[in-house]
Amino acid sequence: MITSIMNSVRASKDVSNNKIPIIADGGIRSPGDVAKALAAGASSCMLGGILSGTKETPGEISKEGIWPNEVLYKKYRGSASVESKLKRGEEDKNVEGVSTLVPYKGKTERIIRDICDGVKSSMSYVGVNNLKEFSIEAEFVEITNSGVIEASPHGKKSLLSN
């Protein structure tokens, strides 16, 4: 996603002097993903998947399991899924999205607050006060899977469990 955003921002500068808004769409799973998209130059982010399963999204809450182990779910239908297209009376061509059950997440407000806090925190790490500075000053470093493994805790037992 980062490469796509950066390439789109670069192309926007070439043809419109940066006047075309770039919207990050896809791959947003956490507040950190929103921060990365904005740092890469996106003007905004689509939040379909991260907000799916919230109280305010369409659909009924369903339960699986028996109390006290029941789990609440909501049906998530991507806007380009077969179900969504048919519900709007469209043909089932050019299907891109999916329909699935997602865990119920409660109110959208909590998730939006977490995203805002995550972006503010990311901006503080970069040492900037606004999103324009953020997209100029942020640096990206590619980390390989080996780097992720090496940076994680080692050993059989956690030191805290002794």
C-alpha atoms as a PDB file:
ATOM      1  CA  MET A   1       0.000   0.000   0.000  1.00  0.00           C
ATOM      2  CA  ILE A   2       2.790   2.434   0.875  1.00  0.00           C
ATOM      3  CA  THR A   3       4.417   2.168  -2.554  1.00  0.00           C
ATOM      4  CA  SER A   4       1.073   2.714  -4.282  1.00  0.00           C
ATOM      5  CA  ILE A   5       0.352   5.809  -2.214  1.00  0.00           C
ATOM      6  CA  MET A   6       3.819   7.264  -2.751  1.00  0.00           C
ATOM      7  CA  ASN A   7       3.630   6.627  -6.520  1.00  0.00           C
ATOM      8  CA  SER A   8       0.177   8.227  -6.663  1.00  0.00           C
ATOM      9  CA  VAL A   9       1.347  11.279  -4.708  1.00  0.00           C
ATOM     10  CA  ARG A  10       4.339  11.639  -7.055  1.00  0.00           C
ATOM     11  CA  ALA A  11       2.074  11.401 -10.129  1.00  0.00           C
ATOM     12  CA  SER A  12      -0.337  13.919  -8.576  1.00  0.00           C
ATOM     13  CA  LYS A  13       2.509  16.419  -8.130  1.00  0.00           C
ATOM     14  CA  ASP A  14       3.528  15.971 -11.761  1.00  0.00           C
ATOM     15  CA  VAL A  15       0.073  16.634 -13.247  1.00  0.00           C
ATOM     16  CA  SER A  16      -1.727  18.873 -10.766  1.00  0.00           C
ATOM     17  CA  ASN A  17       0.804  20.505  -8.472  1.00  0.00           C
ATOM     18  CA  ASN A  18      -0.418  18.233  -5.651  1.00  0.00           C
ATOM     19  CA  LYS A  19      -4.068  19.309  -5.889  1.00  0.00           C
ATOM     20  CA  ILE A  20      -5.536  15.812  -6.390  1.00  0.00           C
ATOM     21  CA  PRO A  21      -6.434  14.159  -3.084  1.00  0.00           C
ATOM     22  CA  ILE A  22      -5.023  10.650  -2.683  1.00  0.00           C
ATOM     23  CA  ILE A  23      -7.250   8.216  -0.774  1.00  0.00           C
ATOM     24  CA  ALA A  24      -5.701   5.073   0.723  1.00  0.00           C
ATOM     25  CA  ASP A  25      -8.109   2.209   0.085  1.00  0.00           C
ATOM     26  CA  GLY A  26      -7.348  -1.272   1.357  1.00  0.00           C
ATOM     27  CA  GLY A  27      -5.020  -2.780   3.904  1.00  0.00           C
ATOM     28  CA  ILE A  28      -6.044  -0.581   6.838  1.00  0.00           C
ATOM     29  CA  ARG A  29      -6.177  -2.975   9.795  1.00  0.00           C
ATOM     30  CA  SER A  30      -4.816  -0.862  12.641  1.00  0.00           C
ATOM     31  CA  PRO A  31      -4.187   2.743  13.706  1.00  0.00           C
ATOM     32  CA  GLY A  32      -0.570   2.251  12.603  1.00  0.00           C
ATOM     33  CA  ASP A  33      -1.728   1.525   9.054  1.00  0.00           C
ATOM     34  CA  VAL A  34      -3.635   4.832   8.984  1.00  0.00           C
ATOM     35  CA  ALA A  35      -0.546   6.671  10.260  1.00  0.00           C
ATOM     36  CA  LYS A  36       1.646   5.034   7.607  1.00  0.00           C
ATOM     37  CA  ALA A  37      -0.799   5.908   4.823  1.00  0.00           C
ATOM     38  CA  LEU A  38      -0.948   9.567   5.920  1.00  0.00           C
ATOM     39  CA  ALA A  39       2.830   9.697   6.329  1.00  0.00           C
ATOM     40  CA  ALA A  40       3.183   8.336   2.782  1.00  0.00           C
ATOM     41  CA  GLY A  41       1.108  11.280   1.542  1.00  0.00           C
ATOM     42  CA  ALA A  42      -2.494  10.042   1.476  1.00  0.00           C
ATOM     43  CA  SER A  43      -5.069  12.756   2.090  1.00  0.00           C
ATOM     44  CA  SER A  44      -7.467  10.313   3.724  1.00  0.00           C
ATOM     45  CA  CYS A  45      -8.106   6.608   4.284  1.00  0.00           C
ATOM     46  CA  MET A  46     -11.020   4.281   3.612  1.00  0.00           C
ATOM     47  CA  LEU A  47     -11.843   2.442   6.833  1.00  0.00           C
ATOM     48  CA  GLY A  48     -14.290  -0.239   5.683  1.00  0.00           C
ATOM     49  CA  GLY A  49     -12.732  -3.307   7.235  1.00  0.00           C
ATOM     50  CA  ILE A  50     -11.497  -1.725  10.453  1.00  0.00           C
ATOM     51  CA  LEU A  51     -14.973  -0.324  11.164  1.00  0.00           C
ATOM     52  CA  SER A  52     -16.818  -3.484  10.150  1.00  0.00           C
ATOM     53  CA  GLY A  53     -18.577  -5.156  13.034  1.00  0.00           C
ATOM     54  CA  THR A  54     -19.267  -1.919  14.900  1.00  0.00           C
ATOM     55  CA  LYS A  55     -22.637  -0.964  16.353  1.00  0.00           C
ATOM     56  CA  GLU A  56     -23.226   1.678  13.679  1.00  0.00           C
ATOM     57  CA  THR A  57     -22.571  -0.558  10.651  1.00  0.00           C
ATOM     58  CA  PRO A  58     -25.477  -2.209   8.827  1.00  0.00           C
ATOM     59  CA  GLY A  59     -26.513  -5.719   9.753  1.00  0.00           C
ATOM     60  CA  GLU A  60     -27.819  -7.665  12.681  1.00  0.00           C
ATOM     61  CA  ILE A  61     -25.711  -8.908  15.549  1.00  0.00           C
ATOM     62  CA  SER A  62     -25.576 -12.692  15.651  1.00  0.00           C
ATOM     63  CA  LYS A  63     -24.430 -14.995  18.439  1.00  0.00           C
ATOM     64  CA  GLU A  64     -22.422 -18.179  18.206  1.00  0.00           C
ATOM     65  CA  GLY A  65     -21.873 -20.567  21.069  1.00  0.00           C
ATOM     66  CA  ILE A  66     -23.638 -20.959  24.375  1.00  0.00           C
ATOM     67  CA  TRP A  67     -23.430 -18.581  27.305  1.00  0.00           C
ATOM     68  CA  PRO A  68     -20.989 -17.935  28.981  1.00  0.00           C
ATOM     69  CA  ASN A  69     -18.829 -18.687  25.948  1.00  0.00           C
ATOM     70  CA  GLU A  70     -20.972 -17.041  23.298  1.00  0.00           C
ATOM     71  CA  VAL A  71     -19.314 -14.710  20.796  1.00  0.00           C
ATOM     72  CA  LEU A  72     -21.059 -11.815  19.023  1.00  0.00           C
ATOM     73  CA  TYR A  73     -20.614 -11.233  15.286  1.00  0.00           C
ATOM     74  CA  LYS A  74     -21.836  -8.943  12.541  1.00  0.00           C
ATOM     75  CA  LYS A  75     -21.912  -9.671   8.840  1.00  0.00           C
ATOM     76  CA  TYR A  76     -19.423  -7.612   6.832  1.00  0.00           C
ATOM     77  CA  ARG A  77     -20.166  -7.041   3.172  1.00  0.00           C
ATOM     78  CA  GLY A  78     -17.513  -5.269   1.155  1.00  0.00           C
ATOM     79  CA  SER A  79     -19.048  -2.588  -1.074  1.00  0.00           C
ATOM     80  CA  ALA A  80     -18.000  -4.498  -4.211  1.00  0.00           C
ATOM     81  CA  SER A  81     -19.093  -7.928  -2.916  1.00  0.00           C
ATOM     82  CA  VAL A  82     -21.768  -9.959  -4.708  1.00  0.00           C
ATOM     83  CA  GLU A  83     -24.197  -9.480  -1.805  1.00  0.00           C
ATOM     84  CA  SER A  84     -23.825  -5.694  -1.742  1.00  0.00           C
ATOM     85  CA  LYS A  85     -24.110  -5.367  -5.512  1.00  0.00           C
ATOM     86  CA  LEU A  86     -27.261  -7.503  -5.673  1.00  0.00           C
ATOM     87  CA  LYS A  87     -28.823  -5.608  -2.746  1.00  0.00           C
ATOM     88  CA  ARG A  88     -28.322  -2.354  -4.688  1.00  0.00           C
ATOM     89  CA  GLY A  89     -29.858  -3.935  -7.807  1.00  0.00           C
ATOM     90  CA  GLU A  90     -26.553  -4.092  -9.681  1.00  0.00           C
ATOM     91  CA  GLU A  91     -25.244  -6.955 -11.775  1.00  0.00           C
ATOM     92  CA  ASP A  92     -22.893  -9.418 -10.135  1.00  0.00           C
ATOM     93  CA  LYS A  93     -20.022  -8.495 -12.458  1.00  0.00           C
ATOM     94  CA  ASN A  94     -16.635  -7.081 -11.448  1.00  0.00           C
ATOM     95  CA  VAL A  95     -16.889  -8.518  -7.964  1.00  0.00           C
ATOM     96  CA  GLU A  96     -13.984  -7.479  -5.754  1.00  0.00           C
ATOM     97  CA  GLY A  97     -15.194  -7.530  -2.157  1.00  0.00           C
ATOM     98  CA  VAL A  98     -16.148 -10.331   0.183  1.00  0.00           C
ATOM     99  CA  SER A  99     -18.887 -11.079   2.699  1.00  0.00           C
ATOM    100  CA  THR A 100     -17.941 -12.628   6.014  1.00  0.00           C
ATOM    101  CA  LEU A 101     -18.763 -12.662   9.719  1.00  0.00           C
ATOM    102  CA  VAL A 102     -16.573 -10.393  11.835  1.00  0.00           C
ATOM    103  CA  PRO A 103     -16.387 -10.115  15.615  1.00  0.00           C
ATOM    104  CA  TYR A 104     -18.678  -7.465  17.070  1.00  0.00           C
ATOM    105  CA  LYS A 105     -16.549  -4.449  18.070  1.00  0.00           C
ATOM    106  CA  GLY A 106     -18.917  -2.106  19.889  1.00  0.00           C
ATOM    107  CA  LYS A 107     -19.120   1.601  19.091  1.00  0.00           C
ATOM    108  CA  THR A 108     -17.266   3.201  16.179  1.00  0.00           C
ATOM    109  CA  GLU A 109     -16.250   6.119  18.415  1.00  0.00           C
ATOM    110  CA  ARG A 110     -13.714   3.966  20.298  1.00  0.00           C
ATOM    111  CA  ILE A 111     -12.002   2.840  17.105  1.00  0.00           C
ATOM    112  CA  ILE A 112     -11.872   6.382  15.689  1.00  0.00           C
ATOM    113  CA  ARG A 113     -10.389   7.611  18.987  1.00  0.00           C
ATOM    114  CA  ASP A 114      -7.737   4.860  18.822  1.00  0.00           C
ATOM    115  CA  ILE A 115      -6.890   5.860  15.240  1.00  0.00           C
ATOM    116  CA  CYS A 116      -6.573   9.551  16.170  1.00  0.00           C
ATOM    117  CA  ASP A 117      -4.386   8.711  19.163  1.00  0.00           C
ATOM    118  CA  GLY A 118      -2.221   6.437  16.995  1.00  0.00           C
ATOM    119  CA  VAL A 119      -1.717   9.113  14.342  1.00  0.00           C
ATOM    120  CA  LYS A 120      -0.874  11.735  16.994  1.00  0.00           C
ATOM    121  CA  SER A 121       1.592   9.356  18.595  1.00  0.00           C
ATOM    122  CA  SER A 122       3.224   8.595  15.239  1.00  0.00           C
ATOM    123  CA  MET A 123       3.514  12.308  14.505  1.00  0.00           C
ATOM    124  CA  SER A 124       5.226  12.826  17.866  1.00  0.00           C
ATOM    125  CA  TYR A 125       7.824  10.151  16.985  1.00  0.00           C
ATOM    126  CA  VAL A 126       8.604  12.067  13.791  1.00  0.00           C
ATOM    127  CA  GLY A 127       8.653  15.384  15.682  1.00  0.00           C
ATOM    128  CA  VAL A 128       5.975  17.203  13.674  1.00  0.00           C
ATOM    129  CA  ASN A 129       2.810  19.145  14.461  1.00  0.00           C
ATOM    130  CA  ASN A 130       0.614  18.631  11.394  1.00  0.00           C
ATOM    131  CA  LEU A 131      -0.118  16.136   8.634  1.00  0.00           C
ATOM    132  CA  LYS A 132       1.657  18.130   5.928  1.00  0.00           C
ATOM    133  CA  GLU A 133       4.900  18.071   7.923  1.00  0.00           C
ATOM    134  CA  PHE A 134       4.261  14.411   8.730  1.00  0.00           C
ATOM    135  CA  SER A 135       4.178  13.407   5.059  1.00  0.00           C
ATOM    136  CA  ILE A 136       7.349  15.424   4.375  1.00  0.00           C
ATOM    137  CA  GLU A 137       9.440  14.360   7.377  1.00  0.00           C
ATOM    138  CA  ALA A 138       8.426  10.711   7.860  1.00  0.00           C
ATOM    139  CA  GLU A 139      10.897   8.072   6.703  1.00  0.00           C
ATOM    140  CA  PHE A 140      10.072   4.478   5.791  1.00  0.00           C
ATOM    141  CA  VAL A 141      12.384   1.569   6.424  1.00  0.00           C
ATOM    142  CA  GLU A 142      11.687  -1.813   4.881  1.00  0.00           C
ATOM    143  CA  ILE A 143      11.869  -4.621   7.407  1.00  0.00           C
ATOM    144  CA  THR A 144      12.256  -8.212   6.246  1.00  0.00           C
ATOM    145  CA  ASN A 145      10.573 -11.183   7.930  1.00  0.00           C
ATOM    146  CA  SER A 146      13.987 -12.148   9.275  1.00  0.00           C
ATOM    147  CA  GLY A 147      14.276  -8.712  10.881  1.00  0.00           C
ATOM    148  CA  VAL A 148      10.877  -9.095  12.536  1.00  0.00           C
ATOM    149  CA  ILE A 149      11.879 -12.492  13.937  1.00  0.00           C
ATOM    150  CA  GLU A 150      15.247 -11.208  15.132  1.00  0.00           C
ATOM    151  CA  ALA A 151      13.646  -8.206  16.860  1.00  0.00           C
ATOM    152  CA  SER A 152      11.137 -10.359  18.739  1.00  0.00           C
ATOM    153  CA  PRO A 153      11.800 -11.889  22.163  1.00  0.00           C
ATOM    154  CA  HIS A 154      14.034 -14.986  22.100  1.00  0.00           C
ATOM    155  CA  GLY A 155      14.131 -18.098  24.196  1.00  0.00           C
ATOM    156  CA  LYS A 156      11.678 -20.608  25.572  1.00  0.00           C
ATOM    157  CA  LYS A 157      10.489 -18.622  28.573  1.00  0.00           C
ATOM    158  CA  SER A 158       9.736 -14.992  29.096  1.00  0.00           C
ATOM    159  CA  LEU A 159      11.911 -13.342  31.724  1.00  0.00           C
ATOM    160  CA  LEU A 160       8.738 -11.984  33.310  1.00  0.00           C
ATOM    161  CA  SER A 161       7.324 -15.462  33.951  1.00  0.00           C
ATOM    162  CA  ASN A 162      10.096 -16.447  36.433  1.00  0.00           C
END
